[in-house]
N, C-alpha and C. Protein backbone atom coordinates (compact mmCIF):
# COMPACT_ATOMS: atom_id res chain seq x y z
N ASP A 1 110.10 50.03 26.58
CA ASP A 1 110.23 48.58 26.71
C ASP A 1 111.33 48.25 27.73
N PRO A 2 111.16 47.15 28.47
CA PRO A 2 112.19 46.77 29.44
C PRO A 2 113.47 46.35 28.73
N MET A 3 114.61 46.53 29.41
CA MET A 3 115.88 46.12 28.85
C MET A 3 115.96 44.61 28.76
N PRO A 4 116.65 44.06 27.76
CA PRO A 4 116.87 42.61 27.71
C PRO A 4 117.65 42.14 28.93
N ALA A 5 117.45 40.87 29.30
CA ALA A 5 118.10 40.33 30.49
C ALA A 5 119.62 40.35 30.37
N THR A 6 120.15 40.36 29.13
CA THR A 6 121.60 40.35 28.94
C THR A 6 122.25 41.64 29.41
N PHE A 7 121.46 42.69 29.71
CA PHE A 7 122.01 43.94 30.17
C PHE A 7 122.24 43.97 31.67
N THR A 8 121.85 42.94 32.38
CA THR A 8 122.05 42.88 33.82
C THR A 8 122.72 41.57 34.22
N ARG A 9 123.38 41.59 35.37
CA ARG A 9 123.97 40.38 35.95
C ARG A 9 123.37 40.20 37.32
N CYS A 10 122.77 39.06 37.57
CA CYS A 10 122.12 38.79 38.86
C CYS A 10 123.14 38.23 39.84
N TYR A 11 122.91 38.48 41.12
CA TYR A 11 123.82 38.01 42.16
C TYR A 11 123.06 37.87 43.46
N THR A 12 123.63 37.09 44.38
CA THR A 12 123.00 36.84 45.68
C THR A 12 123.93 37.31 46.79
N PRO A 13 123.66 38.48 47.39
CA PRO A 13 124.51 38.95 48.49
C PRO A 13 124.33 38.07 49.72
N ILE A 14 125.44 37.85 50.43
CA ILE A 14 125.36 37.07 51.66
C ILE A 14 126.42 37.58 52.63
N LYS A 15 126.05 37.70 53.89
CA LYS A 15 126.94 38.08 54.98
C LYS A 15 127.52 39.47 54.77
N GLY A 16 128.27 39.93 55.75
CA GLY A 16 128.93 41.22 55.68
C GLY A 16 130.38 41.04 56.06
N ARG A 17 131.28 41.35 55.14
CA ARG A 17 132.69 41.04 55.36
C ARG A 17 133.43 42.15 56.10
N VAL A 18 133.31 43.37 55.62
CA VAL A 18 134.05 44.47 56.24
C VAL A 18 133.28 45.77 55.98
N ALA A 19 133.42 46.72 56.89
CA ALA A 19 132.78 48.04 56.77
C ALA A 19 133.85 49.12 56.87
N ARG A 20 133.61 50.22 56.15
CA ARG A 20 134.52 51.36 56.24
C ARG A 20 133.72 52.63 56.50
N ILE A 21 134.13 53.37 57.51
CA ILE A 21 133.51 54.65 57.86
C ILE A 21 134.54 55.75 57.56
N THR A 22 134.15 56.74 56.77
CA THR A 22 135.05 57.83 56.39
C THR A 22 134.45 59.16 56.80
N VAL A 23 135.23 59.99 57.48
CA VAL A 23 134.76 61.30 57.91
C VAL A 23 134.64 62.22 56.70
N LEU A 24 133.51 62.95 56.62
CA LEU A 24 133.24 63.90 55.55
C LEU A 24 133.15 65.31 56.12
N ASP A 25 133.29 66.30 55.24
CA ASP A 25 132.98 67.66 55.67
C ASP A 25 131.47 67.88 55.56
N SER A 26 130.99 69.05 55.91
CA SER A 26 129.55 69.29 55.95
C SER A 26 128.91 69.26 54.56
N CYS A 27 129.74 69.33 53.51
CA CYS A 27 129.22 69.26 52.14
C CYS A 27 129.19 67.83 51.61
N GLY A 28 129.70 66.88 52.39
CA GLY A 28 129.66 65.48 51.96
C GLY A 28 130.89 65.02 51.23
N LEU A 29 131.99 65.75 51.31
CA LEU A 29 133.25 65.34 50.68
C LEU A 29 134.20 64.78 51.73
N PRO A 30 134.98 63.73 51.40
CA PRO A 30 135.93 63.19 52.37
C PRO A 30 136.95 64.23 52.81
N VAL A 31 137.23 64.25 54.10
CA VAL A 31 138.26 65.13 54.63
C VAL A 31 139.62 64.52 54.28
N THR A 32 140.49 65.31 53.66
CA THR A 32 141.75 64.79 53.16
C THR A 32 142.91 65.23 54.04
N GLY A 33 144.09 64.69 53.72
CA GLY A 33 145.29 65.05 54.46
C GLY A 33 145.31 64.48 55.86
N SER A 34 146.12 65.07 56.72
CA SER A 34 146.29 64.56 58.09
C SER A 34 145.03 64.69 58.93
N SER A 35 144.09 65.56 58.49
CA SER A 35 142.83 65.71 59.23
C SER A 35 141.81 64.65 58.85
N GLY A 36 142.08 63.89 57.79
CA GLY A 36 141.16 62.84 57.36
C GLY A 36 141.16 61.67 58.31
N SER A 37 140.08 60.91 58.28
CA SER A 37 139.94 59.82 59.25
C SER A 37 139.06 58.72 58.68
N GLN A 38 139.53 57.47 58.81
CA GLN A 38 138.76 56.30 58.40
C GLN A 38 138.85 55.23 59.47
N ILE A 39 137.77 54.46 59.58
CA ILE A 39 137.75 53.25 60.39
C ILE A 39 137.38 52.09 59.46
N ILE A 40 138.20 51.06 59.42
CA ILE A 40 137.90 49.86 58.62
C ILE A 40 137.76 48.71 59.61
N ILE A 41 136.55 48.15 59.69
CA ILE A 41 136.22 47.24 60.79
C ILE A 41 135.42 46.04 60.28
N ALA A 42 135.75 44.87 60.80
CA ALA A 42 135.00 43.66 60.50
C ALA A 42 134.12 43.23 61.67
N GLY A 43 134.28 43.88 62.83
CA GLY A 43 133.58 43.46 64.04
C GLY A 43 132.19 44.05 64.18
N PHE A 44 131.33 43.81 63.18
CA PHE A 44 129.92 44.21 63.31
C PHE A 44 129.05 42.98 63.09
N THR A 45 127.90 42.96 63.74
CA THR A 45 127.02 41.80 63.67
C THR A 45 125.89 41.97 62.66
N GLN A 46 125.48 43.21 62.42
CA GLN A 46 124.46 43.44 61.40
C GLN A 46 124.38 44.93 61.07
N ALA A 47 123.87 45.21 59.89
CA ALA A 47 123.61 46.58 59.45
C ALA A 47 122.24 46.59 58.78
N THR A 48 121.39 47.51 59.20
CA THR A 48 120.03 47.61 58.67
C THR A 48 119.86 48.95 57.97
N SER A 49 119.42 48.90 56.72
CA SER A 49 119.11 50.11 55.95
C SER A 49 117.61 50.14 55.73
N SER A 50 116.93 51.11 56.33
CA SER A 50 115.47 51.19 56.28
C SER A 50 115.05 52.39 55.42
N ALA A 51 114.37 52.11 54.32
CA ALA A 51 113.90 53.18 53.43
C ALA A 51 112.77 53.96 54.11
N GLN A 52 112.84 55.29 54.02
CA GLN A 52 111.84 56.17 54.61
C GLN A 52 111.07 56.87 53.49
N TYR A 53 109.74 56.85 53.57
CA TYR A 53 108.89 57.41 52.53
C TYR A 53 107.93 58.45 53.11
N GLU A 54 107.73 59.52 52.35
CA GLU A 54 106.68 60.48 52.64
C GLU A 54 105.43 60.02 51.90
N THR A 55 104.38 59.70 52.63
CA THR A 55 103.17 59.16 52.01
C THR A 55 102.45 60.23 51.21
N GLY A 56 102.13 59.90 49.96
CA GLY A 56 101.43 60.85 49.11
C GLY A 56 100.00 61.10 49.59
N GLU A 57 99.55 62.33 49.49
CA GLU A 57 98.22 62.70 49.97
C GLU A 57 97.15 62.16 49.02
N ARG A 58 96.07 61.66 49.59
CA ARG A 58 94.93 61.19 48.80
C ARG A 58 93.84 62.26 48.78
N THR A 59 93.35 62.56 47.60
CA THR A 59 92.27 63.53 47.43
C THR A 59 91.00 62.80 47.03
N VAL A 60 89.95 62.96 47.83
CA VAL A 60 88.67 62.29 47.57
C VAL A 60 87.56 63.33 47.58
N THR A 61 86.75 63.31 46.55
CA THR A 61 85.56 64.16 46.47
C THR A 61 84.37 63.29 46.14
N ARG A 62 83.29 63.49 46.88
CA ARG A 62 82.07 62.71 46.65
C ARG A 62 81.01 63.58 45.95
N THR A 63 80.17 62.91 45.19
CA THR A 63 79.04 63.61 44.57
C THR A 63 77.96 63.85 45.61
N ALA A 64 76.92 64.57 45.18
CA ALA A 64 75.80 64.83 46.08
C ALA A 64 75.08 63.54 46.48
N ASP A 65 75.27 62.48 45.66
CA ASP A 65 74.67 61.19 45.97
C ASP A 65 75.64 60.27 46.71
N ASP A 66 76.74 60.85 47.17
CA ASP A 66 77.72 60.15 47.99
C ASP A 66 78.53 59.10 47.22
N ALA A 67 78.61 59.24 45.88
CA ALA A 67 79.49 58.38 45.09
C ALA A 67 80.83 59.08 44.91
N LEU A 68 81.83 58.30 44.54
CA LEU A 68 83.14 58.88 44.32
C LEU A 68 83.15 59.69 43.03
N CYS A 69 83.57 60.94 43.15
CA CYS A 69 83.73 61.80 41.97
C CYS A 69 85.21 61.95 41.64
N VAL A 70 86.03 62.14 42.68
CA VAL A 70 87.48 62.22 42.54
C VAL A 70 88.10 61.28 43.56
N ASN A 71 89.00 60.43 43.08
CA ASN A 71 89.75 59.54 43.96
C ASN A 71 91.18 59.46 43.42
N ASP A 72 92.03 60.33 43.93
CA ASP A 72 93.39 60.46 43.39
C ASP A 72 94.39 60.46 44.53
N LYS A 73 95.49 59.71 44.33
CA LYS A 73 96.54 59.66 45.36
C LYS A 73 97.87 60.07 44.74
N ALA A 74 98.54 61.01 45.36
CA ALA A 74 99.88 61.39 44.94
C ALA A 74 100.85 60.27 45.28
N PRO A 75 101.91 60.10 44.49
CA PRO A 75 102.84 59.00 44.76
C PRO A 75 103.61 59.19 46.07
N ASP A 76 103.93 58.07 46.70
CA ASP A 76 104.82 58.11 47.86
C ASP A 76 106.22 58.53 47.38
N ILE A 77 106.95 59.25 48.21
CA ILE A 77 108.26 59.78 47.83
C ILE A 77 109.32 59.25 48.79
N LEU A 78 110.37 58.64 48.24
CA LEU A 78 111.50 58.21 49.05
C LEU A 78 112.26 59.44 49.52
N THR A 79 112.42 59.58 50.82
CA THR A 79 113.11 60.76 51.36
C THR A 79 114.55 60.47 51.77
N ASN A 80 114.79 59.31 52.37
CA ASN A 80 116.14 58.98 52.84
C ASN A 80 116.14 57.55 53.36
N PHE A 81 117.30 57.14 53.88
CA PHE A 81 117.43 55.83 54.54
C PHE A 81 117.87 56.06 55.98
N GLU A 82 117.34 55.23 56.87
CA GLU A 82 117.82 55.19 58.25
C GLU A 82 118.75 53.99 58.39
N LEU A 83 119.97 54.24 58.86
CA LEU A 83 120.96 53.19 59.04
C LEU A 83 121.09 52.83 60.51
N ASP A 84 121.21 51.54 60.77
CA ASP A 84 121.38 51.05 62.13
C ASP A 84 122.41 49.93 62.10
N MET A 85 123.53 50.12 62.83
CA MET A 85 124.59 49.13 62.84
C MET A 85 124.87 48.67 64.27
N LEU A 86 125.16 47.38 64.41
CA LEU A 86 125.52 46.79 65.70
C LEU A 86 126.96 46.30 65.62
N PHE A 87 127.78 46.73 66.58
CA PHE A 87 129.20 46.39 66.60
C PHE A 87 129.51 45.54 67.82
N CYS A 88 130.14 44.39 67.58
CA CYS A 88 130.60 43.54 68.69
C CYS A 88 132.03 43.88 69.08
N LEU A 89 132.75 44.57 68.19
CA LEU A 89 134.09 45.06 68.47
C LEU A 89 134.02 46.57 68.62
N ILE A 90 134.47 47.08 69.74
CA ILE A 90 134.38 48.52 69.99
C ILE A 90 135.73 49.17 69.67
N ASP A 91 135.71 50.02 68.67
CA ASP A 91 136.85 50.85 68.32
C ASP A 91 136.51 52.27 68.77
N PRO A 92 137.22 52.83 69.75
CA PRO A 92 136.87 54.18 70.22
C PRO A 92 136.81 55.21 69.11
N GLY A 93 137.64 55.05 68.09
CA GLY A 93 137.63 55.99 66.97
C GLY A 93 136.33 55.96 66.20
N LEU A 94 135.66 54.82 66.20
CA LEU A 94 134.37 54.69 65.53
C LEU A 94 133.36 55.64 66.16
N VAL A 95 133.31 55.68 67.46
CA VAL A 95 132.39 56.57 68.17
C VAL A 95 132.77 58.03 67.92
N ALA A 96 134.05 58.33 68.01
CA ALA A 96 134.51 59.71 67.85
C ALA A 96 134.25 60.24 66.45
N ASN A 97 134.19 59.34 65.46
CA ASN A 97 134.00 59.76 64.07
C ASN A 97 132.55 59.79 63.62
N THR A 98 131.63 59.26 64.41
CA THR A 98 130.25 59.15 63.95
C THR A 98 129.23 59.81 64.88
N VAL A 99 129.52 59.88 66.15
CA VAL A 99 128.57 60.40 67.14
C VAL A 99 129.13 61.68 67.74
N SER A 100 128.36 62.74 67.75
CA SER A 100 128.85 63.99 68.33
C SER A 100 127.84 64.53 69.33
N PRO A 101 128.36 65.25 70.35
CA PRO A 101 129.77 65.49 70.64
C PRO A 101 130.43 64.28 71.34
N ALA A 102 131.48 63.75 70.73
CA ALA A 102 132.23 62.64 71.31
C ALA A 102 133.71 62.92 71.12
N ARG A 103 134.52 62.33 72.00
CA ARG A 103 135.97 62.53 71.90
C ARG A 103 136.67 61.28 72.40
N LEU A 104 137.92 61.14 71.96
CA LEU A 104 138.73 60.03 72.41
C LEU A 104 139.26 60.28 73.81
N LEU A 105 139.37 59.23 74.60
CA LEU A 105 140.10 59.28 75.86
C LEU A 105 141.50 58.75 75.61
N THR A 106 142.48 59.42 76.16
CA THR A 106 143.86 59.04 75.90
C THR A 106 144.57 58.71 77.20
N SER A 107 145.66 57.99 77.06
CA SER A 107 146.48 57.63 78.22
C SER A 107 147.93 57.59 77.79
N SER A 108 148.79 57.15 78.67
CA SER A 108 150.22 57.09 78.35
C SER A 108 150.55 55.86 77.51
N GLU A 109 149.57 54.97 77.32
CA GLU A 109 149.82 53.78 76.52
C GLU A 109 149.92 54.16 75.04
N SER A 110 150.40 53.24 74.25
CA SER A 110 150.44 53.43 72.80
C SER A 110 149.71 52.25 72.16
N PRO A 111 148.72 52.50 71.28
CA PRO A 111 148.22 53.82 70.88
C PRO A 111 147.42 54.48 72.01
N THR A 112 147.16 55.77 71.85
CA THR A 112 146.61 56.54 72.96
C THR A 112 145.10 56.59 73.00
N GLY A 113 144.40 56.18 71.95
CA GLY A 113 142.95 56.22 71.95
C GLY A 113 142.37 55.00 72.62
N THR A 114 142.25 55.02 73.96
CA THR A 114 141.86 53.83 74.71
C THR A 114 140.39 53.82 75.10
N GLY A 115 139.63 54.86 74.77
CA GLY A 115 138.22 54.91 75.13
C GLY A 115 137.59 56.14 74.53
N PHE A 116 136.35 56.42 74.94
CA PHE A 116 135.65 57.58 74.41
C PHE A 116 134.80 58.20 75.51
N ALA A 117 134.45 59.47 75.30
CA ALA A 117 133.54 60.20 76.17
C ALA A 117 132.51 60.89 75.30
N ILE A 118 131.27 60.94 75.78
CA ILE A 118 130.18 61.54 75.02
C ILE A 118 129.51 62.60 75.87
N ALA A 119 129.34 63.79 75.29
CA ALA A 119 128.70 64.90 75.99
C ALA A 119 127.34 65.19 75.35
N GLU A 120 126.56 66.02 75.99
CA GLU A 120 125.30 66.45 75.41
C GLU A 120 125.57 67.45 74.30
N GLY A 121 124.66 67.53 73.34
CA GLY A 121 124.83 68.49 72.24
C GLY A 121 124.31 67.95 70.93
N ALA A 122 124.39 68.78 69.91
CA ALA A 122 123.84 68.45 68.60
C ALA A 122 124.76 67.49 67.85
N ALA A 123 124.15 66.64 67.00
CA ALA A 123 124.90 65.72 66.14
C ALA A 123 125.32 66.48 64.89
N THR A 124 126.62 66.79 64.78
CA THR A 124 127.10 67.64 63.70
C THR A 124 128.04 66.92 62.73
N LEU A 125 128.44 65.70 63.03
CA LEU A 125 129.40 64.99 62.18
C LEU A 125 128.74 64.46 60.91
N HIS A 126 129.53 64.41 59.84
CA HIS A 126 129.10 63.82 58.57
C HIS A 126 130.10 62.72 58.21
N TRP A 127 129.59 61.62 57.66
CA TRP A 127 130.47 60.49 57.35
C TRP A 127 129.80 59.59 56.31
N SER A 128 130.59 58.75 55.71
CA SER A 128 130.07 57.77 54.76
C SER A 128 130.28 56.36 55.31
N LEU A 129 129.44 55.45 54.85
CA LEU A 129 129.52 54.05 55.26
C LEU A 129 129.58 53.18 54.01
N GLU A 130 130.56 52.30 53.97
CA GLU A 130 130.67 51.31 52.90
C GLU A 130 130.73 49.92 53.52
N ILE A 131 130.02 48.98 52.93
CA ILE A 131 130.02 47.60 53.42
C ILE A 131 130.20 46.66 52.24
N TRP A 132 131.14 45.75 52.37
CA TRP A 132 131.37 44.73 51.35
C TRP A 132 130.75 43.42 51.82
N GLN A 133 129.99 42.78 50.93
CA GLN A 133 129.39 41.48 51.20
C GLN A 133 130.01 40.42 50.30
N ARG A 134 129.85 39.19 50.70
CA ARG A 134 130.24 38.07 49.85
C ARG A 134 129.12 37.81 48.84
N VAL A 135 129.44 37.02 47.83
CA VAL A 135 128.47 36.61 46.82
C VAL A 135 128.27 35.11 46.94
N ALA A 136 127.03 34.67 47.05
CA ALA A 136 126.72 33.25 47.17
C ALA A 136 126.49 32.64 45.79
N GLY A 137 126.71 31.33 45.69
CA GLY A 137 126.34 30.60 44.48
C GLY A 137 127.35 30.72 43.35
N THR A 138 126.87 30.51 42.13
CA THR A 138 127.74 30.42 40.97
C THR A 138 128.37 31.75 40.58
N GLU A 139 127.83 32.87 41.07
CA GLU A 139 128.38 34.18 40.72
C GLU A 139 129.49 34.61 41.68
N ALA A 140 129.89 33.75 42.60
CA ALA A 140 130.89 34.12 43.59
C ALA A 140 132.25 34.42 42.98
N CYS A 141 132.53 33.81 41.83
CA CYS A 141 133.82 34.01 41.18
C CYS A 141 133.62 34.17 39.68
N ILE A 142 134.53 34.87 39.06
CA ILE A 142 134.60 34.93 37.61
C ILE A 142 136.02 34.50 37.24
N GLY A 143 136.14 33.32 36.61
CA GLY A 143 137.45 32.75 36.42
C GLY A 143 138.05 32.41 37.77
N GLY A 144 139.20 32.96 38.08
CA GLY A 144 139.81 32.75 39.39
C GLY A 144 139.72 33.96 40.28
N THR A 145 138.84 34.91 39.95
CA THR A 145 138.74 36.16 40.70
C THR A 145 137.46 36.19 41.52
N THR A 146 137.58 36.54 42.79
CA THR A 146 136.42 36.61 43.68
C THR A 146 135.60 37.86 43.41
N ARG A 147 134.28 37.70 43.45
CA ARG A 147 133.38 38.85 43.32
C ARG A 147 132.89 39.27 44.72
N TYR A 148 132.53 40.54 44.83
CA TYR A 148 131.98 41.09 46.06
C TYR A 148 130.76 41.96 45.71
N VAL A 149 129.84 42.08 46.67
CA VAL A 149 128.76 43.04 46.57
C VAL A 149 129.16 44.24 47.42
N TYR A 150 129.27 45.39 46.76
CA TYR A 150 129.72 46.62 47.40
C TYR A 150 128.52 47.52 47.65
N ASN A 151 128.35 47.95 48.90
CA ASN A 151 127.28 48.89 49.29
C ASN A 151 127.90 50.18 49.78
N ALA A 152 127.30 51.29 49.40
CA ALA A 152 127.80 52.59 49.88
C ALA A 152 126.62 53.50 50.19
N TRP A 153 126.62 54.03 51.40
CA TRP A 153 125.75 55.14 51.79
C TRP A 153 126.69 56.33 51.91
N PRO A 154 126.81 57.14 50.85
CA PRO A 154 127.93 58.06 50.72
C PRO A 154 127.86 59.32 51.58
N HIS A 155 126.70 59.57 52.21
CA HIS A 155 126.61 60.77 53.03
C HIS A 155 125.62 60.51 54.16
N LEU A 156 126.14 60.37 55.37
CA LEU A 156 125.32 60.12 56.55
C LEU A 156 125.53 61.24 57.57
N ALA A 157 124.49 61.51 58.32
CA ALA A 157 124.55 62.52 59.39
C ALA A 157 123.58 62.09 60.50
N ASP A 158 123.43 62.94 61.50
CA ASP A 158 122.56 62.65 62.66
C ASP A 158 123.00 61.39 63.38
N GLY A 159 124.29 61.16 63.48
CA GLY A 159 124.79 59.97 64.17
C GLY A 159 124.40 59.97 65.63
N LYS A 160 123.86 58.86 66.08
CA LYS A 160 123.45 58.75 67.49
C LYS A 160 123.62 57.32 67.96
N LEU A 161 123.67 57.15 69.26
CA LEU A 161 123.84 55.84 69.87
C LEU A 161 122.49 55.23 70.20
N GLY A 162 122.39 53.90 70.03
CA GLY A 162 121.24 53.17 70.51
C GLY A 162 121.47 52.70 71.93
N ASP A 163 120.64 51.79 72.39
CA ASP A 163 120.77 51.28 73.75
C ASP A 163 122.05 50.46 73.89
N TYR A 164 122.68 50.58 75.04
CA TYR A 164 123.89 49.81 75.36
C TYR A 164 123.59 48.94 76.56
N LEU A 165 123.61 47.63 76.36
CA LEU A 165 123.22 46.68 77.40
C LEU A 165 124.45 46.03 78.02
N ILE A 166 124.52 46.09 79.34
CA ILE A 166 125.57 45.40 80.09
C ILE A 166 124.92 44.23 80.82
N SER A 167 125.34 43.02 80.46
CA SER A 167 124.74 41.81 81.04
C SER A 167 125.78 40.70 81.00
N SER A 168 125.33 39.47 81.16
CA SER A 168 126.26 38.34 81.11
C SER A 168 126.73 38.06 79.68
N ALA A 169 126.01 38.60 78.70
CA ALA A 169 126.39 38.43 77.30
C ALA A 169 127.33 39.57 76.88
N PRO A 170 128.08 39.39 75.78
CA PRO A 170 128.94 40.48 75.30
C PRO A 170 128.11 41.73 74.99
N SER A 171 128.62 42.90 75.34
CA SER A 171 127.93 44.15 75.05
C SER A 171 128.09 44.51 73.58
N VAL A 172 127.05 45.12 73.02
CA VAL A 172 127.03 45.50 71.61
C VAL A 172 126.80 47.00 71.52
N LEU A 173 127.57 47.66 70.67
CA LEU A 173 127.44 49.09 70.45
C LEU A 173 126.54 49.32 69.23
N GLU A 174 125.51 50.15 69.39
CA GLU A 174 124.58 50.44 68.30
C GLU A 174 124.74 51.89 67.86
N ILE A 175 124.95 52.10 66.56
CA ILE A 175 125.08 53.44 65.99
C ILE A 175 124.04 53.59 64.89
N GLN A 176 123.30 54.70 64.95
CA GLN A 176 122.24 54.99 63.99
C GLN A 176 122.54 56.29 63.27
N ALA A 177 122.01 56.44 62.04
CA ALA A 177 122.23 57.67 61.28
C ALA A 177 121.18 57.79 60.19
N ASN A 178 121.08 58.98 59.61
CA ASN A 178 120.19 59.25 58.48
C ASN A 178 121.02 59.59 57.25
N SER A 179 120.55 59.14 56.08
CA SER A 179 121.28 59.42 54.85
C SER A 179 120.91 60.79 54.28
N LEU A 180 121.87 61.37 53.56
CA LEU A 180 121.69 62.60 52.81
C LEU A 180 122.11 62.33 51.37
N PRO A 181 121.76 63.20 50.41
CA PRO A 181 122.19 62.98 49.03
C PRO A 181 123.71 63.02 48.89
N VAL A 182 124.22 62.22 47.98
CA VAL A 182 125.66 62.16 47.74
C VAL A 182 126.17 63.46 47.15
N ASN A 183 127.37 63.84 47.52
CA ASN A 183 128.09 64.89 46.80
C ASN A 183 128.75 64.21 45.61
N PRO A 184 128.55 64.69 44.37
CA PRO A 184 129.12 64.01 43.20
C PRO A 184 130.62 63.78 43.30
N GLY A 185 131.33 64.64 44.04
CA GLY A 185 132.76 64.45 44.19
C GLY A 185 133.13 63.24 45.01
N TRP A 186 132.18 62.70 45.78
CA TRP A 186 132.48 61.53 46.62
C TRP A 186 132.78 60.30 45.77
N THR A 187 132.17 60.21 44.61
CA THR A 187 132.32 59.01 43.77
C THR A 187 133.60 59.02 42.95
N LEU A 188 134.32 60.14 42.89
CA LEU A 188 135.48 60.23 42.02
C LEU A 188 136.57 59.24 42.44
N GLY A 189 137.04 58.45 41.48
CA GLY A 189 138.10 57.50 41.75
C GLY A 189 137.69 56.30 42.58
N ASN A 190 136.38 56.08 42.74
CA ASN A 190 135.92 54.96 43.56
C ASN A 190 136.03 53.66 42.76
N THR A 191 137.00 52.83 43.13
CA THR A 191 137.28 51.59 42.41
C THR A 191 136.09 50.64 42.40
N TRP A 192 135.33 50.61 43.49
CA TRP A 192 134.28 49.61 43.65
C TRP A 192 133.00 49.97 42.91
N LEU A 193 132.81 51.25 42.63
CA LEU A 193 131.62 51.67 41.87
C LEU A 193 131.83 51.56 40.37
N GLY A 194 133.06 51.63 39.91
CA GLY A 194 133.34 51.53 38.49
C GLY A 194 132.94 52.78 37.73
N SER A 195 132.88 52.66 36.41
CA SER A 195 132.64 53.82 35.56
C SER A 195 131.19 54.28 35.56
N GLY A 196 130.30 53.49 36.14
CA GLY A 196 128.88 53.84 36.12
C GLY A 196 128.44 54.70 37.28
N ALA A 197 129.38 55.32 38.00
CA ALA A 197 129.04 56.04 39.22
C ALA A 197 128.84 57.53 39.00
N VAL A 198 128.59 57.94 37.76
CA VAL A 198 128.33 59.35 37.51
C VAL A 198 127.02 59.72 38.20
N THR A 199 127.07 60.71 39.06
CA THR A 199 125.91 61.06 39.87
C THR A 199 125.07 62.10 39.14
N ILE A 200 123.88 61.70 38.70
CA ILE A 200 123.00 62.63 37.99
C ILE A 200 121.69 62.84 38.74
N VAL A 201 121.48 62.12 39.82
CA VAL A 201 120.29 62.29 40.66
C VAL A 201 120.76 62.29 42.11
N PRO A 202 119.94 62.73 43.06
CA PRO A 202 120.38 62.76 44.46
C PRO A 202 120.42 61.36 45.08
N ASP A 203 121.43 60.57 44.71
CA ASP A 203 121.55 59.20 45.20
C ASP A 203 121.83 59.17 46.70
N HIS A 204 121.23 58.19 47.37
CA HIS A 204 121.47 57.96 48.79
C HIS A 204 122.17 56.62 49.05
N TRP A 205 122.05 55.67 48.12
CA TRP A 205 122.58 54.31 48.33
C TRP A 205 123.06 53.77 46.99
N PHE A 206 124.26 53.23 46.98
CA PHE A 206 124.79 52.50 45.82
C PHE A 206 124.97 51.04 46.19
N GLN A 207 124.70 50.13 45.25
CA GLN A 207 125.09 48.73 45.39
C GLN A 207 125.61 48.26 44.05
N ASN A 208 126.78 47.61 44.06
CA ASN A 208 127.40 47.22 42.81
C ASN A 208 128.15 45.90 42.99
N LEU A 209 128.11 45.07 41.94
CA LEU A 209 128.89 43.83 41.90
C LEU A 209 130.28 44.17 41.37
N THR A 210 131.30 43.74 42.10
CA THR A 210 132.66 44.17 41.74
C THR A 210 133.65 43.05 42.00
N THR A 211 134.76 43.08 41.28
CA THR A 211 135.87 42.18 41.55
C THR A 211 137.00 42.88 42.30
N ALA A 212 136.85 44.18 42.57
CA ALA A 212 137.85 44.92 43.35
C ALA A 212 137.74 44.51 44.82
N ALA A 213 138.82 44.02 45.38
CA ALA A 213 138.80 43.49 46.75
C ALA A 213 138.57 44.61 47.76
N PRO A 214 137.91 44.32 48.88
CA PRO A 214 137.69 45.32 49.93
C PRO A 214 138.98 45.62 50.68
N PRO A 215 139.02 46.73 51.41
CA PRO A 215 140.20 47.03 52.22
C PRO A 215 140.30 46.07 53.41
N THR A 216 141.45 46.05 54.02
CA THR A 216 141.72 45.15 55.15
C THR A 216 141.34 45.82 56.46
N ALA A 217 140.58 45.12 57.28
CA ALA A 217 140.16 45.66 58.58
C ALA A 217 141.37 45.78 59.50
N ALA A 218 141.38 46.83 60.32
CA ALA A 218 142.45 47.05 61.29
C ALA A 218 141.90 47.92 62.41
N CYS A 219 142.37 47.70 63.62
CA CYS A 219 141.93 48.49 64.75
C CYS A 219 142.53 49.89 64.69
N GLY A 220 141.71 50.89 64.97
CA GLY A 220 142.23 52.24 65.09
C GLY A 220 141.87 53.14 63.93
N ILE A 221 142.03 54.45 64.15
CA ILE A 221 141.79 55.45 63.14
C ILE A 221 142.92 55.44 62.13
N GLN A 222 142.56 55.47 60.85
CA GLN A 222 143.55 55.51 59.79
C GLN A 222 143.36 56.80 58.98
N VAL A 223 144.45 57.30 58.42
CA VAL A 223 144.39 58.44 57.51
C VAL A 223 144.10 57.90 56.12
N PRO A 224 143.06 58.40 55.43
CA PRO A 224 142.72 57.89 54.10
C PRO A 224 143.91 58.00 53.15
N ALA A 225 144.04 57.00 52.27
CA ALA A 225 145.14 57.00 51.30
C ALA A 225 144.92 58.09 50.26
């Protein structure tokens, strides 16, 4: 039987407030210590998460009189999500942390990461993407506390660049990636997922209503807390 409606809380996500990209190791765990790296950015115009399915095979057998004898279709299977983000603010560290082979360009200025360079080669970086949205309507607050819709794609790879257009309009940076199953250790201590984030299936995407405020956007690479 379906759960009673009192077991769920409905909400209306709207807009995208801030995004966080965290570098992972090849197993899908955040890189810690001084080697760790995060980008917290508000300068994106949209993020698209496209579900990818393997179509189930249909088996059809006809009788000698050309009627259907067997007509069976295997279920479609969700394989992963394709992520596509457009950035109106270019942070060189964002490219260096998501697209490979890429590196920062440095100069005598401070800070030194003033640009990026991209070479040919395989996409080997792993990273996670989190996006906080606002809540529209009556569910926007509980008492005097603001609610947020928290999205997490906890393990992304195959980072690549989309088309980069130079014209009279502002240029937009496009970054694409494919999701992989979460490493259960990624969810540990995650304030925005709450106590329900125990990973028992190969999750690719989390969405949760939360009162925990998102981190503050800032230019540049940050070391995770």
